[in-house]
């Protein structure tokens, strides 16, 4: 075989090796990209869970605070004289009744 005949084979094997190297690099980068997407999706889900949890805790605190106020209104309403409760002429009594309806 002549040197001219060997050069295309060497060139072909070098090109084939370069193609394999590039395919491996592409495969690694593809895996890294998929991992990054999965990590971001997990992060997004975790943030959403934390957001939902914080919203739920805030609602719970608000309801508990309002329950204390409503209990105070009910105790004040129960404390008033039964005769006064029958009269709708008292403006503050009407306010109590309206407030306790909610």
Protein backbone atom coordinates (compact mmCIF):
# COMPACT_ATOMS: atom_id res chain seq x y z
CA UNK A 1 0.00 0.00 0.00
CA UNK A 2 1.18 3.44 -0.74
CA UNK A 3 1.23 6.40 1.56
CA UNK A 4 -1.58 8.01 -0.40
CA UNK A 5 -3.77 4.99 0.25
CA UNK A 6 -3.01 5.05 3.99
CA UNK A 7 -3.83 8.71 4.47
CA UNK A 8 -7.56 8.40 3.72
CA UNK A 9 -7.78 5.50 6.19
CA UNK A 10 -5.97 7.52 8.87
CA UNK A 11 -8.11 10.52 8.08
CA UNK A 12 -11.23 8.37 8.20
CA UNK A 13 -10.33 6.83 11.57
CA UNK A 14 -9.42 10.25 12.97
CA UNK A 15 -12.73 11.62 11.75
CA UNK A 16 -14.57 8.64 13.24
CA UNK A 17 -12.81 9.17 16.58
CA UNK A 18 -13.72 12.86 16.50
CA UNK A 19 -17.36 11.98 15.76
CA UNK A 20 -17.45 9.55 18.70
CA UNK A 21 -15.84 12.12 20.99
CA UNK A 22 -18.39 14.74 19.95
CA UNK A 23 -21.27 12.30 20.41
CA UNK A 24 -20.08 11.50 23.93
CA UNK A 25 -19.75 15.21 24.72
CA UNK A 26 -23.24 15.82 23.33
CA UNK A 27 -24.61 12.97 25.41
CA UNK A 28 -22.98 14.39 28.58
CA UNK A 29 -24.36 17.85 27.86
CA UNK A 30 -27.80 16.41 27.15
CA UNK A 31 -27.73 14.59 30.52
CA UNK A 32 -26.62 17.77 32.29
CA UNK A 33 -29.45 19.68 30.62
CA UNK A 34 -32.02 17.06 31.68
CA UNK A 35 -30.69 17.14 35.25
CA UNK A 36 -30.88 20.93 35.30
CA UNK A 37 -34.48 20.82 34.07
CA UNK A 38 -35.39 18.23 36.70
CA UNK A 39 -33.69 20.29 39.43
CA UNK A 40 -35.57 23.40 38.36
CA UNK A 41 -38.87 21.51 38.28
CA UNK A 42 -38.21 20.20 41.81
CA UNK A 43 -37.32 23.73 42.94
CA UNK A 44 -40.52 25.12 41.40
CA UNK A 45 -42.63 22.47 43.14
CA UNK A 46 -40.90 23.05 46.48
CA UNK A 47 -41.44 26.81 46.27
CA UNK A 48 -45.11 26.24 45.41
CA UNK A 49 -45.52 23.91 48.42
CA UNK A 50 -43.83 26.45 50.69
CA UNK A 51 -46.03 29.24 49.29
CA UNK A 52 -49.18 27.16 49.85
CA UNK A 53 -48.06 26.27 53.35
CA UNK A 54 -47.37 29.92 54.24
CA UNK A 55 -50.75 30.97 52.84
CA UNK A 56 -52.48 28.25 54.84
CA UNK A 57 -50.66 29.27 58.02
CA UNK A 58 -51.61 32.92 57.45
CA UNK A 59 -55.25 32.02 56.95
CA UNK A 60 -55.17 29.90 60.09
CA UNK A 61 -53.73 32.74 62.15
CA UNK A 62 -56.35 35.15 60.82
CA UNK A 63 -59.22 32.79 61.59
CA UNK A 64 -57.91 32.13 65.10
CA UNK A 65 -57.63 35.86 65.77
CA UNK A 66 -61.15 36.45 64.45
CA UNK A 67 -62.49 33.61 66.59
CA UNK A 68 -61.17 35.37 69.69
CA UNK A 69 -62.96 38.56 68.66
CA UNK A 70 -66.18 36.69 67.89
CA UNK A 71 -66.01 34.94 71.26
CA UNK A 72 -65.64 38.33 72.95
CA UNK A 73 -68.69 39.65 71.07
CA UNK A 74 -70.74 36.60 72.05
CA UNK A 75 -69.77 36.96 75.70
CA UNK A 76 -70.65 40.67 75.63
CA UNK A 77 -73.97 39.91 73.98
CA UNK A 78 -74.76 37.19 76.55
CA UNK A 79 -73.84 39.57 79.36
CA UNK A 80 -76.39 42.21 78.35
CA UNK A 81 -79.69 42.24 80.15
CA UNK A 82 -82.35 40.00 78.50
CA UNK A 83 -84.79 42.91 78.44
CA UNK A 84 -82.25 45.06 76.59
CA UNK A 85 -81.71 42.26 74.06
CA UNK A 86 -85.40 42.30 73.11
CA UNK A 87 -85.29 45.99 72.36
CA UNK A 88 -84.01 46.90 68.90
CA UNK A 89 -83.82 50.57 69.83
CA UNK A 90 -80.32 50.28 71.19
CA UNK A 91 -77.86 51.05 68.34
CA UNK A 92 -74.96 49.19 69.91
CA UNK A 93 -77.16 46.10 70.31
CA UNK A 94 -78.03 46.18 66.63
CA UNK A 95 -74.31 46.41 65.85
CA UNK A 96 -73.63 43.36 68.02
CA UNK A 97 -76.34 41.39 66.24
CA UNK A 98 -75.04 42.36 62.80
CA UNK A 99 -71.46 41.54 63.75
CA UNK A 100 -72.31 38.12 65.15
CA UNK A 101 -74.22 37.15 61.97
CA UNK A 102 -70.94 36.96 60.09
